[in-house]
Amino acid sequence: MENQEKISITTKTLASGNCQVKFFIENEAKPQYGYLLVSEPKPVGEIIDEIKQRMERRKSSTLSMNPYLPIPQVQEDHNFYLFSA
């Protein structure tokens, strides 16, 4: 079954030239929001795909915390922040 989450975004160009994306994930069970820093403006579809990929990466890294299976941990992503709403 596929998650039916709605992602809405707002963008803001920073003085550094980077683009800050604030996103909201509307999910009845667990609404979330967060920020993504991108180096150049991108189309909305690409930004949403990148948010989904980073969330999957974060989810898979938390699921692989089995001490009997030495899987290297994913490094901290300082350009992606996710919070519970």
PDB file of N, CA and C in Angstrom:
ATOM      1  N   MET A   1       0.845  -1.173   0.000  1.00  0.00           N
ATOM      2  CA  MET A   1       0.000   0.000   0.000  1.00  0.00           C
ATOM      3  C   MET A   1       0.892   1.238   0.000  1.00  0.00           C
ATOM      4  N   GLU A   2       0.573   2.184  -0.819  1.00  0.00           N
ATOM      5  CA  GLU A   2       1.373   3.385  -0.956  1.00  0.00           C
ATOM      6  C   GLU A   2       0.833   4.465  -0.029  1.00  0.00           C
ATOM      7  N   ASN A   3       1.747   5.244   0.607  1.00  0.00           N
ATOM      8  CA  ASN A   3       1.330   6.336   1.466  1.00  0.00           C
ATOM      9  C   ASN A   3       0.695   7.438   0.629  1.00  0.00           C
ATOM     10  N   GLN A   4      -0.459   7.904   1.043  1.00  0.00           N
ATOM     11  CA  GLN A   4      -1.131   8.996   0.359  1.00  0.00           C
ATOM     12  C   GLN A   4      -0.914  10.263   1.175  1.00  0.00           C
ATOM     13  N   GLU A   5       0.259  10.805   1.110  1.00  0.00           N
ATOM     14  CA  GLU A   5       0.605  12.007   1.843  1.00  0.00           C
ATOM     15  C   GLU A   5       0.615  13.178   0.881  1.00  0.00           C
ATOM     16  N   LYS A   6       0.130  14.301   1.340  1.00  0.00           N
ATOM     17  CA  LYS A   6       0.138  15.499   0.530  1.00  0.00           C
ATOM     18  C   LYS A   6       1.273  16.390   1.034  1.00  0.00           C
ATOM     19  N   ILE A   7       2.145  16.795   0.136  1.00  0.00           N
ATOM     20  CA  ILE A   7       3.274  17.641   0.489  1.00  0.00           C
ATOM     21  C   ILE A   7       3.057  19.011  -0.144  1.00  0.00           C
ATOM     22  N   SER A   8       3.051  20.043   0.691  1.00  0.00           N
ATOM     23  CA  SER A   8       2.960  21.408   0.178  1.00  0.00           C
ATOM     24  C   SER A   8       4.247  22.143   0.565  1.00  0.00           C
ATOM     25  N   ILE A   9       4.700  23.040  -0.325  1.00  0.00           N
ATOM     26  CA  ILE A   9       5.972  23.710  -0.097  1.00  0.00           C
ATOM     27  C   ILE A   9       5.843  25.213  -0.293  1.00  0.00           C
ATOM     28  N   THR A  10       6.738  25.941   0.366  1.00  0.00           N
ATOM     29  CA  THR A  10       6.954  27.360   0.109  1.00  0.00           C
ATOM     30  C   THR A  10       8.462  27.555   0.014  1.00  0.00           C
ATOM     31  N   THR A  11       8.898  28.438  -0.870  1.00  0.00           N
ATOM     32  CA  THR A  11      10.334  28.653  -1.063  1.00  0.00           C
ATOM     33  C   THR A  11      10.702  30.085  -0.724  1.00  0.00           C
ATOM     34  N   LYS A  12      11.959  30.248  -0.360  1.00  0.00           N
ATOM     35  CA  LYS A  12      12.486  31.561  -0.013  1.00  0.00           C
ATOM     36  C   LYS A  12      13.945  31.604  -0.451  1.00  0.00           C
ATOM     37  N   THR A  13      14.314  32.627  -1.224  1.00  0.00           N
ATOM     38  CA  THR A  13      15.705  32.781  -1.641  1.00  0.00           C
ATOM     39  C   THR A  13      16.459  33.504  -0.535  1.00  0.00           C
ATOM     40  N   LEU A  14      17.561  32.927  -0.113  1.00  0.00           N
ATOM     41  CA  LEU A  14      18.372  33.492   0.960  1.00  0.00           C
ATOM     42  C   LEU A  14      19.435  34.427   0.397  1.00  0.00           C
ATOM     43  N   ALA A  15      20.023  35.237   1.259  1.00  0.00           N
ATOM     44  CA  ALA A  15      21.068  36.176   0.843  1.00  0.00           C
ATOM     45  C   ALA A  15      22.274  35.443   0.261  1.00  0.00           C
ATOM     46  N   SER A  16      22.483  34.206   0.669  1.00  0.00           N
ATOM     47  CA  SER A  16      23.608  33.416   0.167  1.00  0.00           C
ATOM     48  C   SER A  16      23.397  32.943  -1.267  1.00  0.00           C
ATOM     49  N   GLY A  17      22.177  33.080  -1.769  1.00  0.00           N
ATOM     50  CA  GLY A  17      21.856  32.577  -3.105  1.00  0.00           C
ATOM     51  C   GLY A  17      21.214  31.208  -3.064  1.00  0.00           C
ATOM     52  N   ASN A  18      21.267  30.540  -1.928  1.00  0.00           N
ATOM     53  CA  ASN A  18      20.609  29.248  -1.770  1.00  0.00           C
ATOM     54  C   ASN A  18      19.107  29.454  -1.640  1.00  0.00           C
ATOM     55  N   CYS A  19      18.372  28.388  -1.823  1.00  0.00           N
ATOM     56  CA  CYS A  19      16.917  28.436  -1.740  1.00  0.00           C
ATOM     57  C   CYS A  19      16.469  27.575  -0.557  1.00  0.00           C
ATOM     58  N   GLN A  20      15.721  28.179   0.374  1.00  0.00           N
ATOM     59  CA  GLN A  20      15.188  27.447   1.520  1.00  0.00           C
ATOM     60  C   GLN A  20      13.771  27.023   1.194  1.00  0.00           C
ATOM     61  N   VAL A  21      13.508  25.744   1.348  1.00  0.00           N
ATOM     62  CA  VAL A  21      12.183  25.192   1.079  1.00  0.00           C
ATOM     63  C   VAL A  21      11.583  24.750   2.407  1.00  0.00           C
ATOM     64  N   LYS A  22      10.434  25.316   2.729  1.00  0.00           N
ATOM     65  CA  LYS A  22       9.698  24.870   3.912  1.00  0.00           C
ATOM     66  C   LYS A  22       8.573  23.987   3.397  1.00  0.00           C
ATOM     67  N   PHE A  23       8.450  22.786   3.968  1.00  0.00           N
ATOM     68  CA  PHE A  23       7.431  21.862   3.475  1.00  0.00           C
ATOM     69  C   PHE A  23       6.564  21.341   4.612  1.00  0.00           C
ATOM     70  N   PHE A  24       5.331  21.018   4.260  1.00  0.00           N
ATOM     71  CA  PHE A  24       4.372  20.428   5.187  1.00  0.00           C
ATOM     72  C   PHE A  24       3.905  19.109   4.597  1.00  0.00           C
ATOM     73  N   ILE A  25       3.898  18.078   5.419  1.00  0.00           N
ATOM     74  CA  ILE A  25       3.426  16.766   5.003  1.00  0.00           C
ATOM     75  C   ILE A  25       2.126  16.509   5.744  1.00  0.00           C
ATOM     76  N   GLU A  26       1.037  16.522   5.000  1.00  0.00           N
ATOM     77  CA  GLU A  26      -0.277  16.323   5.592  1.00  0.00           C
ATOM     78  C   GLU A  26      -0.594  14.840   5.596  1.00  0.00           C
ATOM     79  N   ASN A  27      -0.493  14.256   6.763  1.00  0.00           N
ATOM     80  CA  ASN A  27      -0.762  12.840   6.958  1.00  0.00           C
ATOM     81  C   ASN A  27      -1.627  12.742   8.212  1.00  0.00           C
ATOM     82  N   GLU A  28      -2.772  12.067   8.129  1.00  0.00           N
ATOM     83  CA  GLU A  28      -3.687  12.001   9.273  1.00  0.00           C
ATOM     84  C   GLU A  28      -3.032  11.381  10.500  1.00  0.00           C
ATOM     85  N   ALA A  29      -2.219  10.371  10.301  1.00  0.00           N
ATOM     86  CA  ALA A  29      -1.600   9.680  11.421  1.00  0.00           C
ATOM     87  C   ALA A  29      -0.419  10.453  12.011  1.00  0.00           C
ATOM     88  N   LYS A  30       0.376  11.108  11.154  1.00  0.00           N
ATOM     89  CA  LYS A  30       1.591  11.765  11.640  1.00  0.00           C
ATOM     90  C   LYS A  30       1.942  12.967  10.756  1.00  0.00           C
ATOM     91  N   PRO A  31       1.304  14.115  11.000  1.00  0.00           N
ATOM     92  CA  PRO A  31       1.659  15.299  10.206  1.00  0.00           C
ATOM     93  C   PRO A  31       3.069  15.770  10.570  1.00  0.00           C
ATOM     94  N   GLN A  32       3.809  16.230   9.577  1.00  0.00           N
ATOM     95  CA  GLN A  32       5.185  16.669   9.774  1.00  0.00           C
ATOM     96  C   GLN A  32       5.453  17.934   8.968  1.00  0.00           C
ATOM     97  N   TYR A  33       6.525  18.620   9.339  1.00  0.00           N
ATOM     98  CA  TYR A  33       6.995  19.756   8.560  1.00  0.00           C
ATOM     99  C   TYR A  33       8.504  19.767   8.622  1.00  0.00           C
ATOM    100  N   GLY A  34       9.122  20.525   7.742  1.00  0.00           N
ATOM    101  CA  GLY A  34      10.569  20.570   7.749  1.00  0.00           C
ATOM    102  C   GLY A  34      11.108  21.591   6.773  1.00  0.00           C
ATOM    103  N   TYR A  35      12.422  21.581   6.665  1.00  0.00           N
ATOM    104  CA  TYR A  35      13.134  22.517   5.805  1.00  0.00           C
ATOM    105  C   TYR A  35      14.155  21.760   4.964  1.00  0.00           C
ATOM    106  N   LEU A  36      14.321  22.218   3.741  1.00  0.00           N
ATOM    107  CA  LEU A  36      15.306  21.663   2.835  1.00  0.00           C
ATOM    108  C   LEU A  36      16.059  22.829   2.220  1.00  0.00           C
ATOM    109  N   LEU A  37      17.367  22.757   2.202  1.00  0.00           N
ATOM    110  CA  LEU A  37      18.191  23.792   1.600  1.00  0.00           C
ATOM    111  C   LEU A  37      18.713  23.272   0.268  1.00  0.00           C
ATOM    112  N   VAL A  38      18.401  23.984  -0.813  1.00  0.00           N
ATOM    113  CA  VAL A  38      18.887  23.608  -2.141  1.00  0.00           C
ATOM    114  C   VAL A  38      19.761  24.733  -2.671  1.00  0.00           C
ATOM    115  N   SER A  39      20.739  24.357  -3.477  1.00  0.00           N
ATOM    116  CA  SER A  39      21.721  25.335  -3.943  1.00  0.00           C
ATOM    117  C   SER A  39      21.213  26.211  -5.082  1.00  0.00           C
ATOM    118  N   GLU A  40      20.216  25.744  -5.826  1.00  0.00           N
ATOM    119  CA  GLU A  40      19.665  26.571  -6.906  1.00  0.00           C
ATOM    120  C   GLU A  40      18.175  26.296  -7.008  1.00  0.00           C
ATOM    121  N   PRO A  41      17.404  27.238  -7.544  1.00  0.00           N
ATOM    122  CA  PRO A  41      15.969  27.000  -7.699  1.00  0.00           C
ATOM    123  C   PRO A  41      15.712  25.798  -8.614  1.00  0.00           C
ATOM    124  N   LYS A  42      14.731  24.997  -8.224  1.00  0.00           N
ATOM    125  CA  LYS A  42      14.367  23.800  -8.987  1.00  0.00           C
ATOM    126  C   LYS A  42      12.862  23.810  -9.202  1.00  0.00           C
ATOM    127  N   PRO A  43      12.394  23.060 -10.188  1.00  0.00           N
ATOM    128  CA  PRO A  43      10.940  22.913 -10.363  1.00  0.00           C
ATOM    129  C   PRO A  43      10.314  22.223  -9.148  1.00  0.00           C
ATOM    130  N   VAL A  44       9.051  22.505  -8.904  1.00  0.00           N
ATOM    131  CA  VAL A  44       8.346  21.972  -7.747  1.00  0.00           C
ATOM    132  C   VAL A  44       8.386  20.442  -7.719  1.00  0.00           C
ATOM    133  N   GLY A  45       8.206  19.807  -8.859  1.00  0.00           N
ATOM    134  CA  GLY A  45       8.224  18.338  -8.910  1.00  0.00           C
ATOM    135  C   GLY A  45       9.550  17.756  -8.446  1.00  0.00           C
ATOM    136  N   GLU A  46      10.656  18.368  -8.847  1.00  0.00           N
ATOM    137  CA  GLU A  46      11.975  17.886  -8.426  1.00  0.00           C
ATOM    138  C   GLU A  46      12.176  18.073  -6.928  1.00  0.00           C
ATOM    139  N   ILE A  47      11.693  19.184  -6.383  1.00  0.00           N
ATOM    140  CA  ILE A  47      11.836  19.438  -4.938  1.00  0.00           C
ATOM    141  C   ILE A  47      11.050  18.406  -4.143  1.00  0.00           C
ATOM    142  N   ILE A  48       9.821  18.135  -4.562  1.00  0.00           N
ATOM    143  CA  ILE A  48       8.999  17.145  -3.856  1.00  0.00           C
ATOM    144  C   ILE A  48       9.619  15.758  -3.951  1.00  0.00           C
ATOM    145  N   ASP A  49      10.164  15.397  -5.115  1.00  0.00           N
ATOM    146  CA  ASP A  49      10.850  14.109  -5.253  1.00  0.00           C
ATOM    147  C   ASP A  49      12.059  14.034  -4.327  1.00  0.00           C
ATOM    148  N   GLU A  50      12.813  15.111  -4.221  1.00  0.00           N
ATOM    149  CA  GLU A  50      13.983  15.127  -3.343  1.00  0.00           C
ATOM    150  C   GLU A  50      13.571  14.990  -1.879  1.00  0.00           C
ATOM    151  N   ILE A  51      12.487  15.645  -1.485  1.00  0.00           N
ATOM    152  CA  ILE A  51      11.977  15.510  -0.114  1.00  0.00           C
ATOM    153  C   ILE A  51      11.604  14.062   0.160  1.00  0.00           C
ATOM    154  N   LYS A  52      10.900  13.428  -0.775  1.00  0.00           N
ATOM    155  CA  LYS A  52      10.501  12.024  -0.605  1.00  0.00           C
ATOM    156  C   LYS A  52      11.715  11.107  -0.500  1.00  0.00           C
ATOM    157  N   GLN A  53      12.735  11.346  -1.339  1.00  0.00           N
ATOM    158  CA  GLN A  53      13.939  10.522  -1.301  1.00  0.00           C
ATOM    159  C   GLN A  53      14.665  10.667   0.029  1.00  0.00           C
ATOM    160  N   ARG A  54      14.783  11.890   0.514  1.00  0.00           N
ATOM    161  CA  ARG A  54      15.481  12.108   1.788  1.00  0.00           C
ATOM    162  C   ARG A  54      14.702  11.508   2.954  1.00  0.00           C
ATOM    163  N   MET A  55      13.379  11.546   2.886  1.00  0.00           N
ATOM    164  CA  MET A  55      12.584  10.916   3.942  1.00  0.00           C
ATOM    165  C   MET A  55      12.763   9.402   3.921  1.00  0.00           C
ATOM    166  N   GLU A  56      12.793   8.812   2.736  1.00  0.00           N
ATOM    167  CA  GLU A  56      13.016   7.366   2.625  1.00  0.00           C
ATOM    168  C   GLU A  56      14.395   6.983   3.158  1.00  0.00           C
ATOM    169  N   ARG A  57      15.397   7.786   2.818  1.00  0.00           N
ATOM    170  CA  ARG A  57      16.750   7.538   3.307  1.00  0.00           C
ATOM    171  C   ARG A  57      16.792   7.584   4.827  1.00  0.00           C
ATOM    172  N   ARG A  58      16.123   8.579   5.410  1.00  0.00           N
ATOM    173  CA  ARG A  58      16.087   8.709   6.867  1.00  0.00           C
ATOM    174  C   ARG A  58      15.338   7.535   7.488  1.00  0.00           C
ATOM    175  N   LYS A  59      14.229   7.137   6.868  1.00  0.00           N
ATOM    176  CA  LYS A  59      13.445   6.015   7.379  1.00  0.00           C
ATOM    177  C   LYS A  59      14.248   4.714   7.329  1.00  0.00           C
ATOM    178  N   SER A  60      14.946   4.482   6.231  1.00  0.00           N
ATOM    179  CA  SER A  60      15.726   3.246   6.106  1.00  0.00           C
ATOM    180  C   SER A  60      16.908   3.233   7.061  1.00  0.00           C
ATOM    181  N   SER A  61      17.477   4.393   7.369  1.00  0.00           N
ATOM    182  CA  SER A  61      18.606   4.423   8.296  1.00  0.00           C
ATOM    183  C   SER A  61      18.153   4.135   9.716  1.00  0.00           C
ATOM    184  N   THR A  62      16.921   4.541  10.082  1.00  0.00           N
ATOM    185  CA  THR A  62      16.433   4.235  11.424  1.00  0.00           C
ATOM    186  C   THR A  62      16.001   2.783  11.543  1.00  0.00           C
ATOM    187  N   LEU A  63      15.554   2.173  10.437  1.00  0.00           N
ATOM    188  CA  LEU A  63      15.141   0.771  10.477  1.00  0.00           C
ATOM    189  C   LEU A  63      16.331  -0.179  10.513  1.00  0.00           C
ATOM    190  N   SER A  64      17.495   0.275  10.090  1.00  0.00           N
ATOM    191  CA  SER A  64      18.659  -0.610  10.021  1.00  0.00           C
ATOM    192  C   SER A  64      19.545  -0.506  11.254  1.00  0.00           C
ATOM    193  N   MET A  65      18.964  -0.210  12.391  1.00  0.00           N
ATOM    194  CA  MET A  65      19.752  -0.077  13.619  1.00  0.00           C
ATOM    195  C   MET A  65      19.821  -1.405  14.376  1.00  0.00           C
ATOM    196  N   ASN A  66      20.082  -2.482  13.678  1.00  0.00           N
ATOM    197  CA  ASN A  66      20.200  -3.801  14.267  1.00  0.00           C
ATOM    198  C   ASN A  66      21.673  -4.033  14.611  1.00  0.00           C
ATOM    199  N   PRO A  67      21.997  -4.282  15.878  1.00  0.00           N
ATOM    200  CA  PRO A  67      23.403  -4.458  16.262  1.00  0.00           C
ATOM    201  C   PRO A  67      24.054  -5.702  15.665  1.00  0.00           C
ATOM    202  N   TYR A  68      23.252  -6.656  15.179  1.00  0.00           N
ATOM    203  CA  TYR A  68      23.801  -7.887  14.626  1.00  0.00           C
ATOM    204  C   TYR A  68      24.095  -7.780  13.127  1.00  0.00           C
ATOM    205  N   LEU A  69      23.593  -6.729  12.507  1.00  0.00           N
ATOM    206  CA  LEU A  69      23.852  -6.491  11.088  1.00  0.00           C
ATOM    207  C   LEU A  69      24.615  -5.180  10.947  1.00  0.00           C
ATOM    208  N   PRO A  70      25.920  -5.259  10.791  1.00  0.00           N
ATOM    209  CA  PRO A  70      26.709  -4.019  10.717  1.00  0.00           C
ATOM    210  C   PRO A  70      26.534  -3.280   9.392  1.00  0.00           C
ATOM    211  N   ILE A  71      25.525  -2.428   9.344  1.00  0.00           N
ATOM    212  CA  ILE A  71      25.279  -1.605   8.165  1.00  0.00           C
ATOM    213  C   ILE A  71      25.785  -0.200   8.486  1.00  0.00           C
ATOM    214  N   PRO A  72      26.615   0.367   7.626  1.00  0.00           N
ATOM    215  CA  PRO A  72      27.115   1.707   7.928  1.00  0.00           C
ATOM    216  C   PRO A  72      25.972   2.716   8.011  1.00  0.00           C
ATOM    217  N   GLN A  73      26.036   3.567   9.035  1.00  0.00           N
ATOM    218  CA  GLN A  73      24.992   4.559   9.228  1.00  0.00           C
ATOM    219  C   GLN A  73      25.131   5.682   8.218  1.00  0.00           C
ATOM    220  N   VAL A  74      23.994   6.275   7.877  1.00  0.00           N
ATOM    221  CA  VAL A  74      23.963   7.398   6.956  1.00  0.00           C
ATOM    222  C   VAL A  74      24.448   8.637   7.707  1.00  0.00           C
ATOM    223  N   GLN A  75      25.300   9.422   7.058  1.00  0.00           N
ATOM    224  CA  GLN A  75      25.800  10.623   7.695  1.00  0.00           C
ATOM    225  C   GLN A  75      24.673  11.618   7.893  1.00  0.00           C
ATOM    226  N   GLU A  76      24.848  12.477   8.887  1.00  0.00           N
ATOM    227  CA  GLU A  76      23.862  13.512   9.187  1.00  0.00           C
ATOM    228  C   GLU A  76      23.688  14.431   7.989  1.00  0.00           C
ATOM    229  N   ASP A  77      22.453  14.735   7.646  1.00  0.00           N
ATOM    230  CA  ASP A  77      22.134  15.599   6.515  1.00  0.00           C
ATOM    231  C   ASP A  77      21.780  16.978   7.059  1.00  0.00           C
ATOM    232  N   HIS A  78      22.705  17.926   6.959  1.00  0.00           N
ATOM    233  CA  HIS A  78      22.498  19.261   7.513  1.00  0.00           C
ATOM    234  C   HIS A  78      21.693  20.164   6.595  1.00  0.00           C
ATOM    235  N   ASN A  79      21.261  19.669   5.458  1.00  0.00           N
ATOM    236  CA  ASN A  79      20.429  20.450   4.544  1.00  0.00           C
ATOM    237  C   ASN A  79      18.972  19.989   4.566  1.00  0.00           C
ATOM    238  N   PHE A  80      18.643  19.065   5.478  1.00  0.00           N
ATOM    239  CA  PHE A  80      17.288  18.527   5.550  1.00  0.00           C
ATOM    240  C   PHE A  80      16.905  18.347   7.012  1.00  0.00           C
ATOM    241  N   TYR A  81      15.850  19.033   7.435  1.00  0.00           N
ATOM    242  CA  TYR A  81      15.363  18.937   8.809  1.00  0.00           C
ATOM    243  C   TYR A  81      13.895  18.555   8.790  1.00  0.00           C
ATOM    244  N   LEU A  82      13.510  17.627   9.658  1.00  0.00           N
ATOM    245  CA  LEU A  82      12.150  17.110   9.689  1.00  0.00           C
ATOM    246  C   LEU A  82      11.654  17.120  11.128  1.00  0.00           C
ATOM    247  N   PHE A  83      10.428  17.630  11.334  1.00  0.00           N
ATOM    248  CA  PHE A  83       9.844  17.751  12.670  1.00  0.00           C
ATOM    249  C   PHE A  83       8.421  17.195  12.661  1.00  0.00           C
ATOM    250  N   SER A  84       7.956  16.752  13.816  1.00  0.00           N
ATOM    251  CA  SER A  84       6.552  16.335  13.961  1.00  0.00           C
ATOM    252  C   SER A  84       5.724  17.579  14.229  1.00  0.00           C
ATOM    253  N   ALA A  85       4.546  17.621  13.620  1.00  0.00           N
ATOM    254  CA  ALA A  85       3.674  18.795  13.786  1.00  0.00           C
ATOM    255  C   ALA A  85       2.741  18.583  14.961  1.00  0.00           C
TER     256      ALA A  85
END
